[in-house]
Amino acid sequence: MPDYGHDLLFGAVLVPSAAHADDAVALARVADRAGLDLVSVPDHPYRPELLDAWMALAVIAASTTRVRVFPNVANLPLRPPAVLARTAAGLDLLSGGRVELGLGAGSYWDAIAADGGPRRSPGEAVRATREAIDVIRALWREGQGVRLPGEHYGLDGATAGPAPAHPIGIWVGAVGPRMLELTGATADGWLPSVPHVPPRRLAAGHRVVDEAALAAGRAPFEVRRLYNLSPGPGGFPRGPLDAWPEQLAALALEHGTSGFLLPAHQPALLQGFAADVAPATRELVTAERKRAADAPRPAGGSGAARGRDGVAGRRTGVAGAPVPAAFAQDRSRATSPEELTVRPTPPPKARRSAEPLWDESTRPAGPPADPERHYPRREQEPARNLVAAHDQLRADLDRLREVVREVLADALAPGDARAEIQRLSLRQNSWTLGAYCASYCRITTLHHTREDEDLFPHLRRSDPRLGEVLDRLTEEHHVIQVLIERVDRELVAFVREEGGERERQALRAAMDLLTDALLSHLAYEERELIEPMARFGTGW
């Protein structure tokens, strides 16, 4: 898929809890001061533990100065489009043009019906959403008497207005093909979420949106692509914050995604997202766009300058619709499709532990790669899967370290600690830390065992020159296992002795040494095995 050239937006998804009514507003202020572009809240009117989304957005808008706010996404079955239109326009006027409209066709139909809303079939939901978009846009054109027939929503002489302070974007949370077609034909943006549309499914969704846009006489770049992120195990982006910019930049350059929304309940995460992830991602995307713009054009190519939206000059496509010149240009990257594009994760720049580890300078290196060797994409999958598995281990380790750190630092009162651990999907007692560590350690051990018993022998048979590297990796696996057992012992001691100072220090030291060892090892393993795995596969 192409890069549509949109400016990049970074924002937050905040949960407006009724039990902690001030939390979402306080986090929105953090996002605003940190420089994020967007703040959104989910809209589930049938859940009494959540504040009303529009009430929360109004207070957030009044408590901030620059962020744009929107529901993520508005529950159409319980919010009539005429009311949505005037609510959004009114808040846009009051906030100085800082409102967008995320729109959803509805789900959780039992809960919607229990609150008096309709229960719609998938086809009815699509038709209702199309009618709703027509109603909303008609009412934003101030001063007109509007008549719109409709199966679900219609207007019978309604007076339009008020007009919003700026052209509000309608961003649809679509998943199924018919909703994606509707998005391409009528909406201003597509807003999927990682759990429902993981990165591997984005290209198929963009294709449906693009084709529907062209069929409707629109340019695909007229539909902004946003993404509700879900970091952590099994989600996206993967790994620590410093690993996110490259992943998000790849989505921008390869899929055209230009808005990234991070669910967060901690100020530090929002600040890191704004201060570190956003500028680094923008820098990567800007550099690649400049490289692409400076690259020689194919014969007959257009040299049109970019317009005010940052999109290159247009050409005529299907049904006479304008399409970006990028669609017709050579979209090749800096590397050939047959070059090895999987890259190892660099090791941490600094160690956490003062205890001696292994001597990294004695690590052997494998034979150099053949510079003439080509690697079709399918042959690179084993290496790509290795990095993905390692990213999962890194993410799990980050989560474990954060939970241990807060408990050791007495950062939370006993009652609040229970809720904080629950947010990390852990049960509510100190032994939970041991259970979580045990689960993480099992995953790590299984990963290493499979390498030792299956992958390493296959690579050794395929190229005996890898023998010294594989021997060293196996030795390090045994060291990591010893460190895992040490963390487990210190964790048990910490709970048994009710968190005395000696036990605190011992657990902290064990966690730091395990972290140093594992991150160093994973980086070394990727550095040495990515190319051989692309060349020889896994043998599985």
Protein backbone atom coordinates (compact mmCIF):
# COMPACT_ATOMS: atom_id res chain seq x y z
CA MET A 1 0.00 0.00 0.00
CA PRO A 2 1.21 3.59 -0.59
CA ASP A 3 2.22 6.36 1.75
CA TYR A 4 -0.60 8.88 1.33
CA GLY A 5 1.61 11.77 2.49
CA HIS A 6 -0.50 12.86 5.46
CA ASP A 7 1.05 14.64 8.41
CA LEU A 8 1.51 12.26 11.34
CA LEU A 9 -0.75 12.55 14.37
CA PHE A 10 -0.10 11.02 17.80
CA GLY A 11 -2.66 10.77 20.53
CA ALA A 12 -4.12 8.94 23.49
CA VAL A 13 -7.12 6.79 24.35
CA LEU A 14 -8.19 7.59 27.92
CA VAL A 15 -10.81 5.70 29.92
CA PRO A 16 -13.24 8.06 31.72
CA SER A 17 -13.78 5.98 34.85
CA ALA A 18 -16.71 7.03 37.03
CA ALA A 19 -14.86 5.79 40.13
CA HIS A 20 -11.87 8.02 39.34
CA ALA A 21 -13.56 10.86 37.51
CA ASP A 22 -10.55 13.19 37.52
CA ASP A 23 -8.04 10.70 36.11
CA ALA A 24 -8.90 11.05 32.42
CA VAL A 25 -8.92 14.85 32.65
CA ALA A 26 -5.56 14.89 34.43
CA LEU A 27 -4.05 12.58 31.81
CA ALA A 28 -5.49 14.75 29.04
CA ARG A 29 -3.67 17.74 30.53
CA VAL A 30 -0.46 15.70 30.51
CA ALA A 31 -1.04 14.81 26.84
CA ASP A 32 -1.74 18.44 26.01
CA ARG A 33 1.41 19.74 27.74
CA ALA A 34 3.53 16.94 26.26
CA GLY A 35 2.58 17.92 22.73
CA LEU A 36 0.30 15.10 21.63
CA ASP A 37 -2.19 15.92 18.88
CA LEU A 38 -5.29 13.95 19.86
CA VAL A 39 -7.13 12.79 22.97
CA SER A 40 -10.00 10.33 22.66
CA VAL A 41 -12.30 8.42 24.98
CA PRO A 42 -14.31 5.25 24.29
CA ASP A 43 -18.08 5.57 24.09
CA HIS A 44 -20.02 2.80 25.83
CA PRO A 45 -23.22 4.48 27.10
CA TYR A 46 -24.54 1.19 28.52
CA ARG A 47 -21.60 0.82 30.98
CA PRO A 48 -22.37 2.62 34.27
CA GLU A 49 -18.73 2.40 35.42
CA LEU A 50 -17.80 4.86 32.65
CA LEU A 51 -18.64 8.54 32.44
CA ASP A 52 -20.61 9.75 29.45
CA ALA A 53 -18.13 10.18 26.61
CA TRP A 54 -19.32 13.60 25.46
CA MET A 55 -19.44 14.96 28.99
CA ALA A 56 -15.85 13.79 29.50
CA LEU A 57 -14.76 15.27 26.17
CA ALA A 58 -16.33 18.62 27.03
CA VAL A 59 -14.43 18.84 30.33
CA ILE A 60 -11.22 17.67 28.64
CA ALA A 61 -11.59 20.30 25.92
CA ALA A 62 -12.16 22.98 28.56
CA SER A 63 -9.10 21.80 30.52
CA THR A 64 -6.68 21.78 27.57
CA THR A 65 -5.52 24.29 25.00
CA ARG A 66 -4.26 22.51 21.89
CA VAL A 67 -5.20 18.81 21.65
CA ARG A 68 -8.10 17.78 19.43
CA VAL A 69 -10.70 15.57 21.11
CA PHE A 70 -13.05 12.89 19.79
CA PRO A 71 -15.09 9.83 20.80
CA ASN A 72 -13.33 6.58 19.95
CA VAL A 73 -15.88 5.74 18.58
CA ALA A 74 -19.37 7.25 19.08
CA ASN A 75 -22.02 4.57 19.63
CA LEU A 76 -24.41 5.34 16.80
CA PRO A 77 -27.32 3.07 17.91
CA LEU A 78 -27.61 4.97 21.20
CA ARG A 79 -26.73 8.43 19.85
CA PRO A 80 -29.08 9.68 17.09
CA PRO A 81 -27.09 11.32 14.31
CA ALA A 82 -28.95 14.64 14.53
CA VAL A 83 -27.93 14.92 18.19
CA LEU A 84 -24.38 13.78 17.38
CA ALA A 85 -24.07 16.43 14.68
CA ARG A 86 -25.15 19.29 16.93
CA THR A 87 -23.17 18.02 19.93
CA ALA A 88 -19.96 17.75 17.92
CA ALA A 89 -20.50 21.13 16.23
CA GLY A 90 -21.26 22.85 19.53
CA LEU A 91 -18.16 21.48 21.24
CA ASP A 92 -16.09 22.38 18.18
CA LEU A 93 -17.29 25.99 18.49
CA LEU A 94 -16.63 26.10 22.23
CA SER A 95 -13.15 24.57 21.89
CA GLY A 96 -11.95 26.69 18.98
CA GLY A 97 -12.14 23.97 16.32
CA ARG A 98 -10.65 21.06 18.28
CA VAL A 99 -13.23 18.30 17.74
CA GLU A 100 -13.30 15.31 15.41
CA LEU A 101 -15.96 12.60 15.22
CA GLY A 102 -15.13 8.92 15.53
CA LEU A 103 -18.18 6.92 14.53
CA GLY A 104 -19.10 3.26 15.10
CA ALA A 105 -21.98 1.24 13.68
CA GLY A 106 -22.44 -0.54 17.00
CA SER A 107 -21.58 -3.83 18.68
CA TYR A 108 -22.46 -5.44 22.02
CA TRP A 109 -26.03 -5.56 20.80
CA ASP A 110 -27.42 -7.16 23.98
CA ALA A 111 -26.20 -4.20 26.04
CA ILE A 112 -27.49 -1.72 23.45
CA ALA A 113 -30.92 -3.39 23.40
CA ALA A 114 -30.99 -3.45 27.21
CA ASP A 115 -30.63 0.35 27.15
CA GLY A 116 -33.52 0.69 24.71
CA GLY A 117 -31.50 0.82 21.50
CA PRO A 118 -32.05 -1.17 18.31
CA ARG A 119 -30.63 -4.60 17.60
CA ARG A 120 -29.33 -4.46 14.02
CA SER A 121 -28.11 -7.06 11.59
CA PRO A 122 -24.75 -6.38 9.91
CA GLY A 123 -26.49 -5.15 6.76
CA GLU A 124 -28.82 -2.88 8.74
CA ALA A 125 -25.85 -1.46 10.67
CA VAL A 126 -24.07 -0.54 7.43
CA ARG A 127 -27.15 1.15 5.96
CA ALA A 128 -27.83 3.00 9.21
CA THR A 129 -24.26 4.30 9.32
CA ARG A 130 -24.42 5.52 5.74
CA GLU A 131 -27.66 7.38 6.49
CA ALA A 132 -26.20 8.79 9.70
CA ILE A 133 -23.19 10.26 7.89
CA ASP A 134 -25.53 11.93 5.40
CA VAL A 135 -27.64 13.38 8.24
CA ILE A 136 -24.61 14.67 10.15
CA ARG A 137 -23.07 16.37 7.14
CA ALA A 138 -26.38 17.89 6.10
CA LEU A 139 -26.89 19.45 9.54
CA TRP A 140 -23.39 20.95 9.51
CA ARG A 141 -24.37 23.08 6.47
CA GLU A 142 -25.96 25.92 8.39
CA GLY A 143 -29.16 27.64 7.36
CA GLN A 144 -30.72 24.96 5.18
CA GLY A 145 -34.02 23.22 5.69
CA VAL A 146 -33.10 19.56 5.20
CA ARG A 147 -35.22 16.65 4.03
CA LEU A 148 -33.55 13.26 3.81
CA PRO A 149 -35.54 10.05 3.53
CA GLY A 150 -34.08 7.10 5.40
CA GLU A 151 -34.79 3.56 6.55
CA HIS A 152 -33.19 4.22 9.96
CA TYR A 153 -32.45 7.95 10.06
CA GLY A 154 -34.06 10.74 8.13
CA LEU A 155 -34.74 14.45 8.30
CA ASP A 156 -38.12 15.97 7.55
CA GLY A 157 -37.56 19.70 7.16
CA ALA A 158 -34.96 20.02 9.95
CA THR A 159 -33.15 23.35 10.19
CA ALA A 160 -29.42 22.80 9.79
CA GLY A 161 -26.84 24.16 12.19
CA PRO A 162 -24.88 25.14 14.03
CA ALA A 163 -21.97 24.86 11.64
CA PRO A 164 -18.77 23.67 13.33
CA ALA A 165 -15.77 25.95 13.67
CA HIS A 166 -13.76 23.81 11.25
CA PRO A 167 -14.47 20.88 8.89
CA ILE A 168 -14.89 18.03 11.38
CA GLY A 169 -13.53 14.71 10.17
CA ILE A 170 -15.74 11.62 10.40
CA TRP A 171 -13.47 8.68 11.21
CA VAL A 172 -15.23 5.32 11.04
CA GLY A 173 -14.24 2.33 13.15
CA ALA A 174 -14.77 -0.31 10.46
CA VAL A 175 -13.79 -3.98 10.43
CA GLY A 176 -15.97 -5.91 7.98
CA PRO A 177 -15.79 -5.52 4.19
CA ARG A 178 -19.10 -3.68 3.83
CA MET A 179 -18.16 -1.15 6.50
CA LEU A 180 -14.75 -0.73 4.86
CA GLU A 181 -16.45 -0.03 1.53
CA LEU A 182 -18.68 2.52 3.25
CA THR A 183 -15.59 4.15 4.79
CA GLY A 184 -13.87 4.46 1.43
CA ALA A 185 -16.96 5.83 -0.27
CA THR A 186 -18.10 8.39 2.32
CA ALA A 187 -15.88 8.84 5.40
CA ASP A 188 -12.89 11.08 6.15
CA GLY A 189 -10.90 8.43 7.96
CA TRP A 190 -10.58 4.76 8.83
CA LEU A 191 -9.95 4.02 12.53
CA PRO A 192 -9.31 0.29 13.19
CA SER A 193 -7.90 -1.15 16.42
CA VAL A 194 -5.02 -3.59 16.79
CA PRO A 195 -7.06 -6.34 18.53
CA HIS A 196 -9.63 -6.37 15.70
CA VAL A 197 -7.35 -5.52 12.74
CA PRO A 198 -3.77 -6.54 13.56
CA PRO A 199 -0.97 -5.16 11.37
CA ARG A 200 -0.95 -8.22 9.11
CA ARG A 201 -4.55 -7.46 8.09
CA LEU A 202 -4.12 -3.74 7.45
CA ALA A 203 -3.13 -4.08 3.80
CA ALA A 204 -6.31 -5.99 2.95
CA GLY A 205 -8.43 -3.35 4.71
CA HIS A 206 -6.67 -0.46 2.99
CA ARG A 207 -7.20 -2.15 -0.36
CA VAL A 208 -10.96 -2.33 0.19
CA VAL A 209 -11.08 1.31 1.32
CA ASP A 210 -9.01 2.46 -1.67
CA GLU A 211 -11.07 0.57 -4.22
CA ALA A 212 -14.32 1.89 -2.72
CA ALA A 213 -12.96 5.44 -2.75
CA LEU A 214 -11.98 5.20 -6.41
CA ALA A 215 -15.34 3.68 -7.33
CA ALA A 216 -17.04 6.63 -5.60
CA GLY A 217 -14.94 9.12 -7.57
CA ARG A 218 -12.68 9.98 -4.65
CA ALA A 219 -8.90 9.82 -4.26
CA PRO A 220 -7.80 7.20 -1.71
CA PHE A 221 -5.63 9.76 0.08
CA GLU A 222 -8.82 11.67 0.99
CA VAL A 223 -9.40 8.99 3.63
CA ARG A 224 -6.96 9.42 6.53
CA ARG A 225 -5.78 6.15 8.11
CA LEU A 226 -5.58 6.04 11.92
CA TYR A 227 -4.82 3.17 14.29
CA ASN A 228 -5.72 2.37 17.90
CA LEU A 229 -2.57 0.75 19.24
CA SER A 230 -2.37 -2.07 21.78
CA PRO A 231 1.21 -2.49 23.04
CA GLY A 232 2.28 -5.43 25.15
CA PRO A 233 2.30 -9.21 24.72
CA GLY A 234 0.52 -10.23 21.55
CA GLY A 235 -0.20 -6.63 20.59
CA PHE A 236 1.42 -3.83 18.62
CA PRO A 237 3.81 -2.07 18.75
CA ARG A 238 6.21 -4.59 20.27
CA GLY A 239 9.07 -4.16 22.69
CA PRO A 240 10.19 -1.07 24.64
CA LEU A 241 9.41 2.50 23.63
CA ASP A 242 12.68 2.95 21.74
CA ALA A 243 11.65 0.10 19.43
CA TRP A 244 8.33 1.73 18.50
CA PRO A 245 9.38 4.48 16.05
CA GLU A 246 10.67 2.08 13.42
CA GLN A 247 7.49 -0.01 13.65
CA LEU A 248 5.17 3.01 13.39
CA ALA A 249 7.21 4.55 10.59
CA ALA A 250 6.89 1.30 8.64
CA LEU A 251 3.09 1.52 8.94
CA ALA A 252 3.16 5.12 7.73
CA LEU A 253 5.42 4.41 4.75
CA GLU A 254 4.08 1.00 3.74
CA HIS A 255 0.37 1.30 4.67
CA GLY A 256 -0.30 5.03 4.78
CA THR A 257 -1.25 4.99 8.48
CA SER A 258 -0.86 8.54 9.78
CA GLY A 259 -2.60 8.63 13.17
CA PHE A 260 -1.50 6.57 16.16
CA LEU A 261 -3.63 6.40 19.33
CA LEU A 262 -2.09 4.92 22.48
CA PRO A 263 -4.24 3.62 25.36
CA ALA A 264 -2.59 4.85 28.55
CA HIS A 265 -3.30 5.26 32.23
CA GLN A 266 0.15 6.46 33.34
CA PRO A 267 1.51 9.98 32.73
CA ALA A 268 5.05 8.67 32.11
CA LEU A 269 3.86 6.55 29.19
CA LEU A 270 2.10 9.49 27.56
CA GLN A 271 5.14 11.70 28.08
CA GLY A 272 7.45 9.08 26.57
CA PHE A 273 5.11 8.61 23.62
CA ALA A 274 5.10 12.37 22.97
CA ALA A 275 8.75 13.16 23.74
CA ASP A 276 10.48 10.11 22.28
CA VAL A 277 8.27 8.02 20.02
CA ALA A 278 6.46 10.78 18.09
CA PRO A 279 9.51 12.87 17.04
CA ALA A 280 11.60 9.81 16.21
CA THR A 281 8.80 8.39 14.04
CA ARG A 282 8.33 11.71 12.27
CA GLU A 283 12.05 11.93 11.62
CA LEU A 284 12.15 8.47 10.05
CA VAL A 285 9.12 9.17 7.86
CA THR A 286 10.37 12.60 6.80
CA ALA A 287 13.77 11.20 5.82
CA GLU A 288 12.24 8.40 3.74
CA ARG A 289 9.79 10.76 2.05
CA LYS A 290 12.66 13.08 1.17
CA ARG A 291 14.69 10.17 -0.17
CA ALA A 292 11.73 9.06 -2.28
CA ALA A 293 11.11 12.60 -3.52
CA ASP A 294 14.78 13.04 -4.47
CA ALA A 295 15.02 9.69 -6.22
CA PRO A 296 15.14 9.81 -10.05
CA ARG A 297 11.67 9.67 -11.58
CA PRO A 298 10.84 6.94 -14.10
CA ALA A 299 10.57 8.04 -17.71
CA GLY A 300 7.45 10.10 -18.16
CA GLY A 301 7.08 10.62 -14.42
CA SER A 302 5.54 13.74 -13.02
CA GLY A 303 7.57 16.31 -11.15
CA ALA A 304 4.53 17.94 -9.61
CA ALA A 305 5.09 19.57 -6.27
CA ARG A 306 3.26 18.50 -3.16
CA GLY A 307 0.05 20.29 -2.35
CA ARG A 308 -0.96 21.84 0.96
CA ASP A 309 -1.77 18.42 2.43
CA GLY A 310 1.71 17.14 1.63
CA VAL A 311 0.47 14.86 -1.15
CA ALA A 312 2.27 14.73 -4.45
CA GLY A 313 0.68 15.96 -7.66
CA ARG A 314 -2.33 13.99 -8.89
CA ARG A 315 -3.10 11.87 -11.89
CA THR A 316 -6.35 10.56 -13.20
CA GLY A 317 -7.34 7.05 -12.13
CA VAL A 318 -10.42 4.85 -12.24
CA ALA A 319 -13.57 6.66 -13.34
CA GLY A 320 -11.59 9.87 -13.73
CA ALA A 321 -10.88 10.08 -9.98
CA PRO A 322 -7.71 11.92 -8.97
CA VAL A 323 -5.11 9.68 -7.36
CA PRO A 324 -1.74 10.55 -5.84
CA ALA A 325 1.23 10.48 -8.18
CA ALA A 326 2.72 8.10 -5.65
CA PHE A 327 0.36 5.43 -7.01
CA ALA A 328 2.11 5.64 -10.38
CA GLN A 329 5.64 6.20 -9.12
CA ASP A 330 8.23 3.60 -8.33
CA ARG A 331 7.67 2.87 -4.63
CA SER A 332 10.83 0.81 -4.14
CA ARG A 333 12.61 1.29 -0.82
CA ALA A 334 16.32 1.80 -0.23
CA THR A 335 16.81 -1.94 -0.30
CA SER A 336 15.93 -4.37 -3.05
CA PRO A 337 12.99 -6.74 -2.35
CA GLU A 338 15.53 -9.59 -2.42
CA GLU A 339 18.00 -8.01 0.00
CA LEU A 340 17.88 -9.06 3.64
CA THR A 341 15.57 -6.52 5.27
CA VAL A 342 15.25 -8.12 8.73
CA ARG A 343 17.44 -6.17 11.13
CA PRO A 344 18.78 -7.23 14.54
CA THR A 345 17.70 -5.29 17.60
CA PRO A 346 20.69 -3.42 19.05
CA PRO A 347 21.73 -4.25 22.62
CA PRO A 348 21.05 -1.75 25.42
CA LYS A 349 23.58 1.07 25.59
CA ALA A 350 24.02 0.78 29.36
CA ARG A 351 23.83 -2.00 31.93
CA ARG A 352 21.56 -1.94 34.95
CA SER A 353 23.58 -4.30 37.15
CA ALA A 354 27.07 -3.86 38.60
CA GLU A 355 27.52 -7.62 38.93
CA PRO A 356 29.84 -9.23 36.39
CA LEU A 357 28.19 -11.03 33.52
CA TRP A 358 29.81 -12.94 30.70
CA ASP A 359 32.58 -11.33 28.67
CA GLU A 360 30.86 -10.09 25.52
CA SER A 361 34.21 -9.48 23.83
CA THR A 362 34.80 -13.24 23.68
CA ARG A 363 31.66 -13.96 21.73
CA PRO A 364 32.50 -15.63 18.41
CA ALA A 365 31.08 -14.35 15.13
CA GLY A 366 29.74 -16.45 12.29
CA PRO A 367 31.00 -16.45 8.72
CA PRO A 368 30.28 -13.32 6.65
CA ALA A 369 27.24 -13.35 4.42
CA ASP A 370 27.61 -13.83 0.69
CA PRO A 371 27.14 -10.34 -0.80
CA GLU A 372 25.66 -11.88 -3.96
CA ARG A 373 23.05 -13.89 -2.04
CA HIS A 374 19.40 -12.94 -2.54
CA TYR A 375 16.64 -13.53 0.02
CA PRO A 376 13.06 -13.67 -1.30
CA ARG A 377 10.57 -12.39 1.25
CA ARG A 378 9.24 -15.86 2.07
CA GLU A 379 12.77 -17.01 2.94
CA GLN A 380 13.11 -14.12 5.40
CA GLU A 381 10.03 -15.15 7.39
CA PRO A 382 11.91 -17.46 9.84
CA ALA A 383 14.29 -14.62 10.73
CA ARG A 384 11.40 -12.19 11.02
CA ASN A 385 9.61 -14.63 13.32
CA LEU A 386 12.73 -14.92 15.49
CA VAL A 387 12.78 -11.16 16.04
CA ALA A 388 9.02 -11.18 16.75
CA ALA A 389 9.47 -13.94 19.35
CA HIS A 390 12.28 -11.97 20.95
CA ASP A 391 10.13 -8.83 20.97
CA GLN A 392 7.51 -10.79 22.90
CA LEU A 393 10.12 -11.76 25.49
CA ARG A 394 11.31 -8.15 25.74
CA ALA A 395 7.76 -6.87 26.21
CA ASP A 396 6.99 -9.43 28.90
CA LEU A 397 10.20 -8.56 30.70
CA ASP A 398 9.30 -4.86 30.59
CA ARG A 399 5.94 -5.56 32.16
CA LEU A 400 7.44 -7.70 34.89
CA ARG A 401 10.11 -5.10 35.68
CA GLU A 402 7.51 -2.34 35.96
CA VAL A 403 5.33 -4.31 38.38
CA VAL A 404 8.32 -5.31 40.53
CA ARG A 405 9.68 -1.76 40.50
CA GLU A 406 6.49 -0.18 41.78
CA VAL A 407 6.01 -2.76 44.51
CA LEU A 408 9.64 -2.50 45.64
CA ALA A 409 9.49 1.30 45.69
CA ASP A 410 6.26 1.34 47.72
CA ALA A 411 4.95 3.60 44.96
CA LEU A 412 1.38 2.51 45.63
CA ALA A 413 -0.62 2.26 48.84
CA PRO A 414 -1.62 -1.34 49.66
CA GLY A 415 -5.18 -0.77 48.45
CA ASP A 416 -4.12 1.02 45.26
CA ALA A 417 -1.42 -1.53 44.48
CA ARG A 418 -4.09 -4.17 44.09
CA ALA A 419 -5.88 -2.16 41.41
CA GLU A 420 -2.62 -1.28 39.65
CA ILE A 421 -1.55 -4.92 39.42
CA GLN A 422 -5.02 -5.85 38.17
CA ARG A 423 -4.54 -3.43 35.27
CA LEU A 424 -1.49 -5.45 34.32
CA SER A 425 -3.68 -8.58 34.14
CA LEU A 426 -2.25 -9.94 37.37
CA ARG A 427 -4.17 -11.37 40.30
CA GLN A 428 -4.47 -9.41 43.52
CA ASN A 429 -1.74 -10.56 45.90
CA SER A 430 2.03 -10.50 46.24
CA TRP A 431 2.31 -14.11 45.13
CA THR A 432 1.00 -12.93 41.78
CA LEU A 433 4.47 -11.59 41.05
CA GLY A 434 5.87 -15.06 41.44
CA ALA A 435 3.13 -16.55 39.29
CA TYR A 436 3.71 -14.00 36.56
CA CYS A 437 7.45 -14.52 36.69
CA ALA A 438 6.93 -18.26 36.53
CA SER A 439 4.78 -17.84 33.44
CA TYR A 440 7.33 -15.54 31.79
CA CYS A 441 10.19 -17.86 32.71
CA ARG A 442 8.38 -20.85 31.20
CA ILE A 443 7.97 -18.98 27.93
CA THR A 444 11.64 -18.02 27.93
CA THR A 445 12.76 -21.53 28.77
CA LEU A 446 10.58 -23.12 26.08
CA HIS A 447 11.92 -20.68 23.52
CA HIS A 448 15.50 -21.53 24.41
CA THR A 449 14.82 -25.27 24.57
CA ARG A 450 13.38 -25.28 21.07
CA GLU A 451 16.43 -23.45 19.79
CA ASP A 452 18.81 -25.85 21.55
CA GLU A 453 17.05 -29.03 20.48
CA ASP A 454 15.77 -28.18 16.98
CA LEU A 455 17.03 -24.97 15.39
CA PHE A 456 20.68 -25.09 16.46
CA PRO A 457 21.33 -28.66 15.23
CA HIS A 458 19.72 -27.77 11.89
CA LEU A 459 21.93 -24.70 11.47
CA ARG A 460 25.01 -26.64 12.57
CA ARG A 461 24.33 -29.28 9.92
CA SER A 462 23.64 -26.62 7.30
CA ASP A 463 26.87 -24.70 7.95
CA PRO A 464 29.44 -26.23 10.36
CA ARG A 465 31.20 -22.85 10.50
CA LEU A 466 28.36 -21.70 12.80
CA GLY A 467 29.42 -24.21 15.44
CA GLU A 468 31.26 -21.81 17.76
CA VAL A 469 28.41 -19.28 17.69
CA LEU A 470 25.83 -21.96 18.45
CA ASP A 471 27.93 -23.35 21.29
CA ARG A 472 28.21 -19.89 22.83
CA LEU A 473 24.46 -19.26 22.49
CA THR A 474 23.74 -22.58 24.21
CA GLU A 475 26.08 -21.66 27.08
CA GLU A 476 24.29 -18.35 27.48
CA HIS A 477 20.94 -20.13 27.58
CA HIS A 478 22.18 -22.06 30.62
CA VAL A 479 23.36 -18.86 32.31
CA ILE A 480 19.99 -17.20 31.72
CA GLN A 481 18.24 -20.21 33.22
CA VAL A 482 20.35 -19.86 36.38
CA LEU A 483 19.44 -16.16 36.58
CA ILE A 484 15.76 -16.95 36.13
CA GLU A 485 15.93 -19.40 39.04
CA ARG A 486 17.67 -16.72 41.12
CA VAL A 487 14.88 -14.22 40.49
CA ASP A 488 12.36 -16.86 41.51
CA ARG A 489 14.23 -17.56 44.78
CA GLU A 490 14.55 -13.86 45.63
CA LEU A 491 10.90 -13.29 44.86
CA VAL A 492 9.83 -16.05 47.22
CA ALA A 493 12.13 -14.65 49.90
CA PHE A 494 10.71 -11.15 49.42
CA VAL A 495 7.16 -12.38 50.02
CA ARG A 496 8.11 -14.69 52.89
CA GLU A 497 10.03 -11.98 54.76
CA GLU A 498 7.32 -9.37 54.08
CA GLY A 499 9.56 -7.17 51.99
CA GLY A 500 12.52 -6.41 54.25
CA GLU A 501 15.24 -4.11 52.96
CA ARG A 502 17.72 -6.93 52.33
CA GLU A 503 15.11 -8.84 50.34
CA ARG A 504 14.24 -5.71 48.38
CA GLN A 505 17.84 -5.18 47.37
CA ALA A 506 18.36 -8.83 46.51
CA LEU A 507 15.25 -8.97 44.30
CA ARG A 508 16.15 -5.72 42.56
CA ALA A 509 19.70 -6.95 41.90
CA ALA A 510 18.44 -10.27 40.52
CA MET A 511 15.98 -8.54 38.20
CA ASP A 512 18.64 -6.12 36.94
CA LEU A 513 21.11 -8.90 36.20
CA LEU A 514 18.48 -11.01 34.42
CA THR A 515 17.49 -7.98 32.33
CA ASP A 516 21.08 -7.25 31.32
CA ALA A 517 21.74 -10.87 30.43
CA LEU A 518 18.57 -11.50 28.48
CA LEU A 519 18.62 -8.29 26.42
CA SER A 520 22.29 -8.72 25.61
CA HIS A 521 21.76 -12.34 24.63
CA LEU A 522 18.75 -11.66 22.40
CA ALA A 523 20.63 -8.93 20.55
CA TYR A 524 23.65 -11.21 20.00
CA GLU A 525 21.46 -14.08 18.85
CA GLU A 526 19.68 -11.89 16.30
CA ARG A 527 22.96 -10.45 15.06
CA GLU A 528 24.36 -13.93 14.37
CA LEU A 529 21.30 -15.93 13.33
CA ILE A 530 19.13 -13.64 11.17
CA GLU A 531 21.15 -14.22 8.01
CA PRO A 532 21.67 -18.00 8.51
CA MET A 533 17.95 -18.46 9.25
CA ALA A 534 17.06 -16.59 6.05
CA ARG A 535 19.53 -18.77 4.16
CA PHE A 536 18.76 -22.19 5.69
CA GLY A 537 15.35 -21.85 7.36
CA THR A 538 14.58 -23.53 10.68
CA GLY A 539 14.46 -27.21 9.78
CA TRP A 540 11.00 -27.44 11.38
